[in-house]
């Protein structure tokens, strides 16, 4: 499962980007800003690229992978010869 390492909304606010600025400038749409606010990492690579660009960060600075039981059961267990 991917999780944010940072508070995206707070980091955007630090550089002057709020929901209104994001929407009117076209940087991020309302639904993407809602995902940031709710900690939802199901964003497009384009939006991750935009986020990294405006925050001057690398993807590894923004996201981290935390393995869950669901990951082990639904993904890793399907790999032949892979012990879970």
Protein backbone atom coordinates (compact mmCIF):
# COMPACT_ATOMS: atom_id res chain seq x y z
CA UNK A 1 0.00 0.00 0.00
CA UNK A 2 1.29 3.41 -0.87
CA UNK A 3 1.10 6.15 1.75
CA UNK A 4 2.12 9.78 1.76
CA UNK A 5 5.27 10.56 3.73
CA UNK A 6 4.25 14.20 3.94
CA UNK A 7 1.11 16.21 4.61
CA UNK A 8 0.55 17.20 0.97
CA UNK A 9 -2.02 19.92 1.71
CA UNK A 10 0.28 21.51 4.31
CA UNK A 11 3.27 21.41 1.96
CA UNK A 12 1.24 22.95 -0.85
CA UNK A 13 -0.05 25.66 1.51
CA UNK A 14 3.56 26.45 2.46
CA UNK A 15 4.21 27.49 -1.15
CA UNK A 16 0.91 29.33 -1.55
CA UNK A 17 -1.18 26.67 -3.27
CA UNK A 18 -4.63 26.05 -1.83
CA UNK A 19 -7.66 24.42 -3.49
CA UNK A 20 -8.70 27.66 -5.15
CA UNK A 21 -5.23 28.41 -6.56
CA UNK A 22 -4.81 24.79 -7.69
CA UNK A 23 -8.14 24.83 -9.50
CA UNK A 24 -7.91 28.27 -11.11
CA UNK A 25 -4.31 27.78 -12.23
CA UNK A 26 -5.02 24.30 -13.56
CA UNK A 27 -2.21 22.73 -11.53
CA UNK A 28 -4.52 20.24 -9.80
CA UNK A 29 -8.22 19.56 -10.13
CA UNK A 30 -10.69 19.56 -7.28
CA UNK A 31 -10.79 15.75 -7.12
CA UNK A 32 -6.99 15.52 -6.89
CA UNK A 33 -6.91 18.09 -4.10
CA UNK A 34 -9.60 16.07 -2.28
CA UNK A 35 -7.43 12.96 -2.65
CA UNK A 36 -4.46 14.82 -1.17
CA UNK A 37 -6.62 16.00 1.72
CA UNK A 38 -7.94 12.48 2.39
CA UNK A 39 -4.56 10.76 2.06
CA UNK A 40 -5.72 8.91 -1.05
CA UNK A 41 -2.65 7.93 -3.07
CA UNK A 42 -4.57 6.78 -6.16
CA UNK A 43 -3.40 9.75 -8.21
CA UNK A 44 -2.11 9.70 -11.76
CA UNK A 45 1.58 9.77 -12.58
CA UNK A 46 0.93 13.14 -14.21
CA UNK A 47 -0.36 14.50 -10.88
CA UNK A 48 2.58 12.94 -9.03
CA UNK A 49 4.89 14.65 -11.53
CA UNK A 50 3.12 17.99 -10.96
CA UNK A 51 3.29 17.55 -7.20
CA UNK A 52 7.01 16.77 -7.30
CA UNK A 53 7.57 19.74 -9.60
CA UNK A 54 5.81 22.33 -7.46
CA UNK A 55 7.21 20.96 -4.18
CA UNK A 56 10.67 20.44 -5.67
CA UNK A 57 10.75 16.87 -4.35
CA UNK A 58 11.39 13.40 -5.68
CA UNK A 59 8.62 10.75 -5.65
CA UNK A 60 10.47 8.95 -2.83
CA UNK A 61 10.13 12.14 -0.75
CA UNK A 62 6.36 12.10 -1.21
CA UNK A 63 5.36 8.41 -1.12
CA UNK A 64 6.35 5.28 0.72
CA UNK A 65 5.34 1.63 0.38
CA UNK A 66 3.98 -0.12 3.47
CA UNK A 67 3.33 -3.82 2.93
CA UNK A 68 -0.02 -5.03 4.25
CA UNK A 69 -1.64 -8.44 4.70
CA UNK A 70 -3.83 -7.59 1.73
CA UNK A 71 -0.71 -6.98 -0.41
CA UNK A 72 0.73 -10.34 0.65
CA UNK A 73 -2.52 -12.19 -0.05
CA UNK A 74 -3.61 -10.49 -3.28
CA UNK A 75 -0.29 -9.73 -4.96
CA UNK A 76 2.74 -11.47 -3.53
CA UNK A 77 1.01 -14.84 -3.09
CA UNK A 78 0.37 -14.93 -6.86
CA UNK A 79 4.09 -14.93 -7.69
CA UNK A 80 5.21 -18.50 -8.47
CA UNK A 81 7.79 -19.88 -6.02
CA UNK A 82 7.47 -16.82 -3.78
CA UNK A 83 7.02 -17.51 -0.07
CA UNK A 84 4.59 -15.21 1.68
